[in-house]
Amino acid sequence: MASESKDEKSTEKKKDLSAVTWRWVAWLEKFPLNRNTVLDYFKFSDFYDRTCNNELIIQQNVDPAKIKTLTGIEYELDADIAKDDSYYLLRKQHRDSPRSVRVLSWYYVVNDEQPGGTGPLRGTVFPLPDLHAVLRMNLTTSMFYVNSAFKELSEAAKYNPARPYTWDFPDHKPTISQPQRNIYSNLVDDVLFKSMKF
């Protein structure tokens, strides 16, 4: 019986947070969101691993610079990619040694504060999709347009056994409906392009 519950735990999948966003309006009303506070804000989100080295440093009241000497999961603000304050890019990474880290996932926090108040997305935390998800979405969009073009061509093709195919294109431009896009897709593309180092 104990082995069954152990097997159930081992086969239990982690909660998929790829389509989840998080925002805490009360925190944003009390505190500023900037490079110095974004990690403090992020640690309340569903994406934050409470067993990470960042928490260990806080609990033991140790100098934050010592986090580079620990091994394990940690979160870090990537200031090189997000140079302006319109968004912050955070890395979840596994530190193997003081000089070796493996990036596990990326998160971005929108900071679109508008004059006179809080912007509608300010403080929203988004998980950055992995490369597979981005390629799948781009290929799906491409295939939508290719299929639409073939549909238009097949409707314009006319066949007569006495002569070869002819094409009867209408004078108006074909109307191809737009595929449904996520409202954040341009932001995702922007962040992905900036995070890729060539």
C-alpha atoms as a PDB file:
ATOM      1  CA  MET A   1       0.000   0.000   0.000  1.00  0.00           C
ATOM      2  CA  ALA A   2       2.852   2.373   0.832  1.00  0.00           C
ATOM      3  CA  SER A   3       4.519   1.545  -2.473  1.00  0.00           C
ATOM      4  CA  GLU A   4       1.311   2.471  -4.316  1.00  0.00           C
ATOM      5  CA  SER A   5       1.244   5.964  -2.822  1.00  0.00           C
ATOM      6  CA  LYS A   6       4.954   6.348  -3.610  1.00  0.00           C
ATOM      7  CA  ASP A   7       4.292   5.325  -7.233  1.00  0.00           C
ATOM      8  CA  GLU A   8       1.368   7.743  -7.415  1.00  0.00           C
ATOM      9  CA  LYS A   9       3.603  10.569  -6.229  1.00  0.00           C
ATOM     10  CA  SER A  10       6.344   9.688  -8.706  1.00  0.00           C
ATOM     11  CA  THR A  11       3.898   9.589 -11.634  1.00  0.00           C
ATOM     12  CA  GLU A  12       2.021  12.705 -10.523  1.00  0.00           C
ATOM     13  CA  LYS A  13       2.756  15.485 -12.974  1.00  0.00           C
ATOM     14  CA  LYS A  14       3.814  18.932 -11.855  1.00  0.00           C
ATOM     15  CA  LYS A  15       1.169  21.609 -12.171  1.00  0.00           C
ATOM     16  CA  ASP A  16       1.442  23.240 -15.601  1.00  0.00           C
ATOM     17  CA  LEU A  17       1.889  26.976 -15.063  1.00  0.00           C
ATOM     18  CA  SER A  18       2.692  27.876 -18.673  1.00  0.00           C
ATOM     19  CA  ALA A  19      -0.667  29.571 -19.261  1.00  0.00           C
ATOM     20  CA  VAL A  20      -0.976  31.089 -15.784  1.00  0.00           C
ATOM     21  CA  THR A  21      -0.330  34.721 -14.935  1.00  0.00           C
ATOM     22  CA  TRP A  22      -0.084  36.264 -11.487  1.00  0.00           C
ATOM     23  CA  ARG A  23      -0.591  39.763 -10.100  1.00  0.00           C
ATOM     24  CA  TRP A  24      -1.015  41.191  -6.590  1.00  0.00           C
ATOM     25  CA  VAL A  25      -2.685  44.602  -6.760  1.00  0.00           C
ATOM     26  CA  ALA A  26      -2.542  45.281  -2.987  1.00  0.00           C
ATOM     27  CA  TRP A  27       1.260  44.926  -2.978  1.00  0.00           C
ATOM     28  CA  LEU A  28       1.558  47.248  -5.980  1.00  0.00           C
ATOM     29  CA  GLU A  29      -0.519  49.912  -4.235  1.00  0.00           C
ATOM     30  CA  LYS A  30       1.758  49.899  -1.174  1.00  0.00           C
ATOM     31  CA  PHE A  31       5.225  49.406  -2.655  1.00  0.00           C
ATOM     32  CA  PRO A  32       7.060  50.590  -5.771  1.00  0.00           C
ATOM     33  CA  LEU A  33       7.900  48.014  -8.419  1.00  0.00           C
ATOM     34  CA  ASN A  34      11.480  48.502  -9.570  1.00  0.00           C
ATOM     35  CA  ARG A  35      14.735  46.600 -10.013  1.00  0.00           C
ATOM     36  CA  ASN A  36      15.307  46.508  -6.257  1.00  0.00           C
ATOM     37  CA  THR A  37      11.851  45.218  -5.316  1.00  0.00           C
ATOM     38  CA  VAL A  38      10.894  42.935  -8.220  1.00  0.00           C
ATOM     39  CA  LEU A  39      12.320  39.792  -6.557  1.00  0.00           C
ATOM     40  CA  ASP A  40      10.492  40.653  -3.310  1.00  0.00           C
ATOM     41  CA  TYR A  41       7.272  40.954  -5.313  1.00  0.00           C
ATOM     42  CA  PHE A  42       7.954  37.770  -7.324  1.00  0.00           C
ATOM     43  CA  LYS A  43       8.437  35.615  -4.236  1.00  0.00           C
ATOM     44  CA  PHE A  44       4.699  35.837  -3.488  1.00  0.00           C
ATOM     45  CA  SER A  45       3.789  34.379  -6.895  1.00  0.00           C
ATOM     46  CA  ASP A  46       2.807  30.813  -7.741  1.00  0.00           C
ATOM     47  CA  PHE A  47       6.019  30.468  -9.758  1.00  0.00           C
ATOM     48  CA  TYR A  48       8.354  30.958  -6.799  1.00  0.00           C
ATOM     49  CA  ASP A  49      10.009  27.884  -5.271  1.00  0.00           C
ATOM     50  CA  ARG A  50      10.099  28.450  -1.502  1.00  0.00           C
ATOM     51  CA  THR A  51      12.990  26.006  -1.082  1.00  0.00           C
ATOM     52  CA  CYS A  52      15.332  28.117  -3.223  1.00  0.00           C
ATOM     53  CA  ASN A  53      18.631  29.636  -2.143  1.00  0.00           C
ATOM     54  CA  ASN A  54      17.091  33.127  -2.129  1.00  0.00           C
ATOM     55  CA  GLU A  55      14.854  32.065   0.765  1.00  0.00           C
ATOM     56  CA  LEU A  56      17.762  30.392   2.547  1.00  0.00           C
ATOM     57  CA  ILE A  57      19.764  33.631   2.417  1.00  0.00           C
ATOM     58  CA  ILE A  58      16.810  35.616   3.821  1.00  0.00           C
ATOM     59  CA  GLN A  59      16.065  33.105   6.594  1.00  0.00           C
ATOM     60  CA  GLN A  60      19.680  32.923   7.738  1.00  0.00           C
ATOM     61  CA  ASN A  61      20.161  36.721   7.435  1.00  0.00           C
ATOM     62  CA  VAL A  62      23.290  36.246   5.310  1.00  0.00           C
ATOM     63  CA  ASP A  63      24.842  38.697   2.860  1.00  0.00           C
ATOM     64  CA  PRO A  64      22.932  38.306  -0.457  1.00  0.00           C
ATOM     65  CA  ALA A  65      26.242  38.173  -2.361  1.00  0.00           C
ATOM     66  CA  LYS A  66      26.880  34.756  -0.739  1.00  0.00           C
ATOM     67  CA  ILE A  67      24.146  33.219  -2.887  1.00  0.00           C
ATOM     68  CA  LYS A  68      26.757  32.666  -5.600  1.00  0.00           C
ATOM     69  CA  THR A  69      28.623  30.255  -3.289  1.00  0.00           C
ATOM     70  CA  LEU A  70      25.583  28.010  -2.742  1.00  0.00           C
ATOM     71  CA  THR A  71      24.398  25.249  -5.045  1.00  0.00           C
ATOM     72  CA  GLY A  72      20.766  24.673  -5.948  1.00  0.00           C
ATOM     73  CA  ILE A  73      17.769  26.602  -7.248  1.00  0.00           C
ATOM     74  CA  GLU A  74      17.924  30.400  -7.231  1.00  0.00           C
ATOM     75  CA  TYR A  75      16.217  33.372  -8.866  1.00  0.00           C
ATOM     76  CA  GLU A  76      18.053  36.276 -10.410  1.00  0.00           C
ATOM     77  CA  LEU A  77      17.090  39.488 -12.178  1.00  0.00           C
ATOM     78  CA  ASP A  78      18.622  39.611 -15.653  1.00  0.00           C
ATOM     79  CA  ALA A  79      19.600  43.269 -15.951  1.00  0.00           C
ATOM     80  CA  ASP A  80      21.578  42.737 -19.178  1.00  0.00           C
ATOM     81  CA  ILE A  81      18.552  41.878 -21.303  1.00  0.00           C
ATOM     82  CA  ALA A  82      15.902  44.122 -19.743  1.00  0.00           C
ATOM     83  CA  LYS A  83      17.724  47.435 -19.931  1.00  0.00           C
ATOM     84  CA  ASP A  84      14.653  49.658 -19.519  1.00  0.00           C
ATOM     85  CA  ASP A  85      12.084  49.487 -16.748  1.00  0.00           C
ATOM     86  CA  SER A  86       9.082  48.558 -18.918  1.00  0.00           C
ATOM     87  CA  TYR A  87       9.545  44.923 -17.865  1.00  0.00           C
ATOM     88  CA  TYR A  88      11.864  42.843 -15.708  1.00  0.00           C
ATOM     89  CA  LEU A  89      13.222  39.488 -16.760  1.00  0.00           C
ATOM     90  CA  LEU A  90      13.829  36.914 -14.020  1.00  0.00           C
ATOM     91  CA  ARG A  91      15.705  33.640 -14.345  1.00  0.00           C
ATOM     92  CA  LYS A  92      15.041  30.495 -12.373  1.00  0.00           C
ATOM     93  CA  GLN A  93      18.357  28.703 -12.467  1.00  0.00           C
ATOM     94  CA  HIS A  94      20.214  25.834 -10.866  1.00  0.00           C
ATOM     95  CA  ARG A  95      23.658  26.807  -9.641  1.00  0.00           C
ATOM     96  CA  ASP A  96      26.103  23.898  -9.921  1.00  0.00           C
ATOM     97  CA  SER A  97      29.152  25.894  -8.811  1.00  0.00           C
ATOM     98  CA  PRO A  98      30.055  29.568  -8.291  1.00  0.00           C
ATOM     99  CA  ARG A  99      30.611  29.932 -12.056  1.00  0.00           C
ATOM    100  CA  SER A 100      28.244  27.379 -13.540  1.00  0.00           C
ATOM    101  CA  VAL A 101      24.457  27.807 -13.782  1.00  0.00           C
ATOM    102  CA  ARG A 102      21.755  26.120 -15.838  1.00  0.00           C
ATOM    103  CA  VAL A 103      18.719  28.224 -16.669  1.00  0.00           C
ATOM    104  CA  LEU A 104      15.534  26.288 -15.892  1.00  0.00           C
ATOM    105  CA  SER A 105      12.919  28.883 -16.825  1.00  0.00           C
ATOM    106  CA  TRP A 106      12.341  32.581 -17.478  1.00  0.00           C
ATOM    107  CA  TYR A 107       9.675  34.907 -16.125  1.00  0.00           C
ATOM    108  CA  TYR A 108       8.901  38.473 -16.991  1.00  0.00           C
ATOM    109  CA  VAL A 109       7.162  41.058 -14.896  1.00  0.00           C
ATOM    110  CA  VAL A 110       5.421  43.854 -16.772  1.00  0.00           C
ATOM    111  CA  ASN A 111       5.962  47.364 -15.429  1.00  0.00           C
ATOM    112  CA  ASP A 112       3.824  49.512 -17.718  1.00  0.00           C
ATOM    113  CA  GLU A 113       3.001  52.177 -15.146  1.00  0.00           C
ATOM    114  CA  GLN A 114       1.041  54.969 -16.724  1.00  0.00           C
ATOM    115  CA  PRO A 115       1.001  58.574 -15.530  1.00  0.00           C
ATOM    116  CA  GLY A 116      -1.544  59.110 -12.809  1.00  0.00           C
ATOM    117  CA  GLY A 117      -1.890  55.512 -11.706  1.00  0.00           C
ATOM    118  CA  THR A 118      -1.231  51.871 -12.292  1.00  0.00           C
ATOM    119  CA  GLY A 119      -1.271  50.438 -15.827  1.00  0.00           C
ATOM    120  CA  PRO A 120      -3.615  47.531 -16.518  1.00  0.00           C
ATOM    121  CA  LEU A 121      -0.776  44.998 -16.756  1.00  0.00           C
ATOM    122  CA  ARG A 122       1.631  46.512 -14.242  1.00  0.00           C
ATOM    123  CA  GLY A 123       2.994  43.810 -11.962  1.00  0.00           C
ATOM    124  CA  THR A 124       1.661  40.895 -14.012  1.00  0.00           C
ATOM    125  CA  VAL A 125       4.060  37.948 -13.958  1.00  0.00           C
ATOM    126  CA  PHE A 126       4.194  35.789 -17.087  1.00  0.00           C
ATOM    127  CA  PRO A 127       6.188  32.594 -17.568  1.00  0.00           C
ATOM    128  CA  LEU A 128       8.216  32.906 -20.750  1.00  0.00           C
ATOM    129  CA  PRO A 129       7.312  30.035 -23.079  1.00  0.00           C
ATOM    130  CA  ASP A 130      10.024  27.605 -24.021  1.00  0.00           C
ATOM    131  CA  LEU A 131      11.429  27.472 -27.538  1.00  0.00           C
ATOM    132  CA  HIS A 132       9.284  24.439 -28.415  1.00  0.00           C
ATOM    133  CA  ALA A 133       6.061  26.311 -27.607  1.00  0.00           C
ATOM    134  CA  VAL A 134       7.121  29.370 -29.613  1.00  0.00           C
ATOM    135  CA  LEU A 135       8.099  27.297 -32.651  1.00  0.00           C
ATOM    136  CA  ARG A 136       4.878  25.297 -32.424  1.00  0.00           C
ATOM    137  CA  MET A 137       2.808  28.514 -32.352  1.00  0.00           C
ATOM    138  CA  ASN A 138       4.741  30.079 -35.241  1.00  0.00           C
ATOM    139  CA  LEU A 139       4.438  26.902 -37.329  1.00  0.00           C
ATOM    140  CA  THR A 140       0.731  26.699 -36.572  1.00  0.00           C
ATOM    141  CA  THR A 141       0.271  30.298 -37.697  1.00  0.00           C
ATOM    142  CA  SER A 142       2.316  29.674 -40.844  1.00  0.00           C
ATOM    143  CA  MET A 143       0.304  26.573 -41.697  1.00  0.00           C
ATOM    144  CA  PHE A 144      -2.919  28.541 -41.234  1.00  0.00           C
ATOM    145  CA  TYR A 145      -1.831  30.995 -43.945  1.00  0.00           C
ATOM    146  CA  VAL A 146      -0.520  28.260 -46.253  1.00  0.00           C
ATOM    147  CA  ASN A 147      -3.820  26.366 -45.965  1.00  0.00           C
ATOM    148  CA  SER A 148      -5.765  29.581 -46.596  1.00  0.00           C
ATOM    149  CA  ALA A 149      -3.677  30.277 -49.717  1.00  0.00           C
ATOM    150  CA  PHE A 150      -4.263  26.755 -51.074  1.00  0.00           C
ATOM    151  CA  LYS A 151      -7.984  27.119 -50.412  1.00  0.00           C
ATOM    152  CA  GLU A 152      -8.065  30.379 -52.399  1.00  0.00           C
ATOM    153  CA  LEU A 153      -6.058  28.769 -55.233  1.00  0.00           C
ATOM    154  CA  SER A 154      -8.281  25.703 -55.397  1.00  0.00           C
ATOM    155  CA  GLU A 155     -11.379  27.907 -55.618  1.00  0.00           C
ATOM    156  CA  ALA A 156      -9.821  29.878 -58.515  1.00  0.00           C
ATOM    157  CA  ALA A 157      -8.701  26.818 -60.510  1.00  0.00           C
ATOM    158  CA  LYS A 158     -10.911  25.904 -63.473  1.00  0.00           C
ATOM    159  CA  TYR A 159     -10.468  22.686 -65.436  1.00  0.00           C
ATOM    160  CA  ASN A 160     -11.598  21.932 -68.947  1.00  0.00           C
ATOM    161  CA  PRO A 161     -10.603  18.628 -70.639  1.00  0.00           C
ATOM    162  CA  ALA A 162     -10.078  20.420 -73.948  1.00  0.00           C
ATOM    163  CA  ARG A 163      -7.402  22.716 -72.512  1.00  0.00           C
ATOM    164  CA  PRO A 164      -5.224  22.798 -69.420  1.00  0.00           C
ATOM    165  CA  TYR A 165      -6.083  24.351 -66.122  1.00  0.00           C
ATOM    166  CA  THR A 166      -7.006  28.006 -66.077  1.00  0.00           C
ATOM    167  CA  TRP A 167      -7.075  30.336 -63.154  1.00  0.00           C
ATOM    168  CA  ASP A 168     -10.003  32.635 -62.594  1.00  0.00           C
ATOM    169  CA  PHE A 169      -8.886  35.037 -59.900  1.00  0.00           C
ATOM    170  CA  PRO A 170     -11.485  37.454 -58.593  1.00  0.00           C
ATOM    171  CA  ASP A 171     -10.803  41.171 -58.939  1.00  0.00           C
ATOM    172  CA  HIS A 172     -11.015  41.658 -55.205  1.00  0.00           C
ATOM    173  CA  LYS A 173      -8.323  40.583 -52.799  1.00  0.00           C
ATOM    174  CA  PRO A 174      -9.063  37.353 -51.004  1.00  0.00           C
ATOM    175  CA  THR A 175     -10.125  37.832 -47.422  1.00  0.00           C
ATOM    176  CA  ILE A 176      -8.148  35.588 -45.154  1.00  0.00           C
ATOM    177  CA  SER A 177      -9.289  35.734 -41.581  1.00  0.00           C
ATOM    178  CA  GLN A 178      -6.609  36.343 -39.007  1.00  0.00           C
ATOM    179  CA  PRO A 179      -5.610  33.470 -36.731  1.00  0.00           C
ATOM    180  CA  GLN A 180      -6.362  33.995 -33.090  1.00  0.00           C
ATOM    181  CA  ARG A 181      -3.314  35.501 -31.395  1.00  0.00           C
ATOM    182  CA  ASN A 182      -2.565  35.901 -27.755  1.00  0.00           C
ATOM    183  CA  ILE A 183      -2.594  39.586 -26.783  1.00  0.00           C
ATOM    184  CA  TYR A 184       0.825  39.108 -25.224  1.00  0.00           C
ATOM    185  CA  SER A 185       2.450  37.402 -28.220  1.00  0.00           C
ATOM    186  CA  ASN A 186       4.291  40.550 -29.374  1.00  0.00           C
ATOM    187  CA  LEU A 187       5.703  41.002 -25.874  1.00  0.00           C
ATOM    188  CA  VAL A 188       6.787  37.345 -25.795  1.00  0.00           C
ATOM    189  CA  ASP A 189       8.468  37.655 -29.208  1.00  0.00           C
ATOM    190  CA  ASP A 190      10.220  40.839 -28.048  1.00  0.00           C
ATOM    191  CA  VAL A 191      11.531  39.230 -24.860  1.00  0.00           C
ATOM    192  CA  LEU A 192      12.584  36.028 -26.658  1.00  0.00           C
ATOM    193  CA  PHE A 193      14.456  37.974 -29.340  1.00  0.00           C
ATOM    194  CA  LYS A 194      16.270  40.035 -26.704  1.00  0.00           C
ATOM    195  CA  SER A 195      17.137  36.961 -24.632  1.00  0.00           C
ATOM    196  CA  MET A 196      18.717  35.068 -27.528  1.00  0.00           C
ATOM    197  CA  LYS A 197      22.408  35.731 -27.735  1.00  0.00           C
ATOM    198  CA  PHE A 198      23.875  35.326 -31.195  1.00  0.00           C
END
